[in-house]
Protein backbone atom coordinates (compact mmCIF):
# COMPACT_ATOMS: atom_id res chain seq x y z
CA MET A 1 -2.45 -1.97 -14.09
CA THR A 2 0.90 -0.64 -15.18
CA ASP A 3 4.43 -0.29 -13.96
CA ARG A 4 5.75 3.04 -15.12
CA PRO A 5 9.28 4.31 -14.78
CA ASP A 6 9.39 7.75 -13.19
CA MET A 7 12.14 10.35 -13.45
CA GLY A 8 15.56 8.78 -13.86
CA ASP A 9 15.67 5.21 -12.71
CA ARG A 10 12.88 5.59 -10.15
CA ALA A 11 9.88 3.43 -10.84
CA SER A 12 6.32 3.14 -9.61
CA ILE A 13 3.90 0.26 -9.29
CA GLU A 14 0.40 1.39 -10.23
CA VAL A 15 -2.73 -0.66 -9.73
CA ASP A 16 -6.28 0.35 -10.67
CA GLU A 17 -9.05 -1.92 -9.41
CA PHE A 18 -12.82 -1.77 -8.97
CA LEU A 19 -14.16 -2.87 -5.58
CA PRO A 20 -17.92 -3.51 -5.26
CA HIS A 21 -18.04 -1.67 -1.93
CA PRO A 22 -18.75 2.00 -1.14
CA PRO A 23 -15.83 4.37 -0.43
CA ALA A 24 -16.69 4.64 3.30
CA LYS A 25 -16.32 0.88 3.70
CA VAL A 26 -13.04 0.79 1.75
CA TRP A 27 -11.80 3.72 3.85
CA ARG A 28 -12.48 1.73 7.03
CA ALA A 29 -10.31 -1.13 5.72
CA LEU A 30 -7.51 1.35 4.93
CA THR A 31 -7.60 3.24 8.22
CA GLU A 32 -8.77 0.94 11.03
CA PRO A 33 -5.66 -0.84 12.35
CA ASP A 34 -7.36 -4.19 12.98
CA LEU A 35 -8.88 -4.24 9.50
CA LEU A 36 -5.63 -3.04 7.90
CA ALA A 37 -3.84 -5.92 9.64
CA ARG A 38 -6.29 -8.43 8.13
CA TRP A 39 -5.42 -7.60 4.52
CA LEU A 40 -1.97 -5.99 4.67
CA MET A 41 0.16 -6.38 7.82
CA PRO A 42 0.08 -5.99 11.60
CA ASN A 43 0.52 -2.30 12.43
CA ASP A 44 0.11 0.55 14.90
CA PHE A 45 -1.50 2.86 12.35
CA LYS A 46 -3.62 5.88 13.28
CA PRO A 47 -5.37 8.02 10.65
CA VAL A 48 -3.61 11.20 11.78
CA LEU A 49 -1.49 13.36 9.49
CA GLY A 50 2.16 13.00 10.51
CA HIS A 51 1.60 9.85 12.61
CA ARG A 52 4.60 7.50 12.58
CA PHE A 53 3.81 3.79 12.63
CA THR A 54 5.21 0.42 11.62
CA PHE A 55 4.10 -2.57 9.64
CA THR A 56 5.63 -5.91 10.62
CA THR A 57 5.99 -8.93 8.41
CA LYS A 58 8.27 -11.90 7.76
CA PRO A 59 11.95 -10.92 7.51
CA ILE A 60 13.88 -11.59 4.27
CA PRO A 61 17.49 -11.81 5.54
CA ASN A 62 19.10 -12.44 2.13
CA VAL A 63 18.12 -8.89 1.05
CA GLY A 64 18.70 -7.24 4.43
CA PHE A 65 15.01 -6.87 5.34
CA ASP A 66 14.27 -7.35 9.06
CA GLY A 67 10.49 -7.45 8.61
CA THR A 68 9.86 -3.90 9.84
CA ILE A 69 8.51 -1.14 7.61
CA ALA A 70 8.70 2.35 9.14
CA CYS A 71 5.91 4.57 7.90
CA ARG A 72 4.46 8.03 8.34
CA VAL A 73 1.08 9.41 7.26
CA LEU A 74 1.88 12.00 4.57
CA GLY A 75 -1.59 12.68 3.17
CA LEU A 76 -5.09 12.08 4.47
CA GLU A 77 -8.44 13.05 2.91
CA GLU A 78 -11.27 11.07 4.46
CA HIS A 79 -12.86 8.58 2.05
CA ARG A 80 -10.60 9.84 -0.75
CA LEU A 81 -6.83 9.63 -0.18
CA LEU A 82 -4.24 8.04 2.06
CA ARG A 83 -0.51 8.54 1.38
CA ILE A 84 2.24 7.07 3.56
CA SER A 85 6.02 6.82 3.51
CA TRP A 86 7.27 3.21 3.32
CA ARG A 87 10.83 2.61 4.53
CA GLY A 88 12.48 -0.68 5.28
CA GLY A 89 15.02 -3.14 3.93
CA GLY A 90 16.78 -0.44 1.93
CA LEU A 91 13.59 1.02 0.44
CA ASP A 92 12.55 4.65 0.79
CA THR A 93 9.24 4.82 -1.07
CA THR A 94 5.66 6.10 -0.76
CA VAL A 95 2.32 4.37 -1.12
CA THR A 96 -0.81 6.27 -2.13
CA TRP A 97 -4.35 4.94 -2.16
CA ARG A 98 -6.94 7.07 -3.98
CA LEU A 99 -10.62 6.18 -3.74
CA VAL A 100 -13.10 7.29 -6.40
CA PRO A 101 -16.82 6.49 -6.16
CA GLU A 102 -17.96 4.45 -9.16
CA GLY A 103 -21.57 3.28 -9.39
CA ARG A 104 -22.31 1.31 -6.21
CA GLY A 105 -18.62 0.68 -5.59
CA THR A 106 -15.20 2.26 -5.49
CA ARG A 107 -12.37 2.51 -7.97
CA ILE A 108 -9.13 2.21 -5.98
CA PHE A 109 -5.88 3.51 -7.42
CA VAL A 110 -2.74 2.33 -5.65
CA GLU A 111 0.67 3.81 -6.42
CA HIS A 112 3.81 2.52 -4.75
CA ALA A 113 6.44 5.02 -5.92
CA GLY A 114 10.15 5.65 -5.62
CA PHE A 115 11.84 2.34 -6.44
CA ASP A 116 15.50 2.79 -7.39
CA LEU A 117 16.01 0.28 -10.20
CA ASP A 118 19.79 0.84 -10.17
CA ASP A 119 19.89 -0.67 -6.69
CA PRO A 120 19.61 -4.50 -6.66
CA VAL A 121 17.39 -4.42 -3.56
CA GLY A 122 15.13 -1.78 -5.12
CA ALA A 123 14.86 -3.74 -8.37
CA TYR A 124 14.14 -6.98 -6.47
CA ALA A 125 11.45 -5.26 -4.36
CA PHE A 126 9.92 -3.63 -7.45
CA ARG A 127 9.53 -6.99 -9.19
CA GLY A 128 8.18 -8.81 -6.14
CA MET A 129 5.90 -6.07 -4.88
CA GLY A 130 4.49 -5.39 -8.35
CA SER A 131 2.98 -8.85 -8.54
CA GLY A 132 2.15 -8.80 -4.81
CA TRP A 133 0.07 -5.61 -4.95
CA ARG A 134 -1.88 -6.99 -7.91
CA SER A 135 -2.48 -10.54 -6.82
CA THR A 136 -2.18 -11.01 -3.08
CA VAL A 137 -2.76 -7.60 -1.49
CA LEU A 138 -5.81 -6.38 -3.39
CA ARG A 139 -7.35 -9.85 -3.29
CA SER A 140 -6.93 -9.82 0.51
CA LEU A 141 -8.47 -6.33 0.68
CA HIS A 142 -11.47 -7.51 -1.33
CA HIS A 143 -11.88 -10.58 0.92
CA THR A 144 -11.71 -8.39 4.04
CA LEU A 145 -14.31 -5.98 2.64
CA THR A 146 -16.64 -8.84 1.72
CA GLY A 147 -16.55 -10.05 5.33
CA LEU A 148 -17.54 -6.67 6.83
CA ASP A 149 -21.11 -5.68 7.71
């Protein structure tokens, strides 16, 4: 798990985690809207390249975030890769999930890229989301996967 600055003052959150579930099961949790809502946020996602969708969550008015994240599917390789744009509250970033089979489970690599650290909102989001992806989000994903047949 590392945070690595990219070109200029753009930064990425990178998380690498082993999940004791096969890639097909992890893929379901990433791409079925009801399952995605269980561990991430309510959404109108469809696993279709170019599909525009939204995530909705609690607004954070003090940083100008209305609780809506506008997204678009940018990359899609079944059981292997999902890349989306992630725009809301002043952010214009991308999130990529890569799945790699490992033993009886899956190694998941998450990269949330494009944070502008010169912008106070971008820096605030980078700090908050860095710990969120590591602690809350992937823990919720694991819990969701454990509850599936």
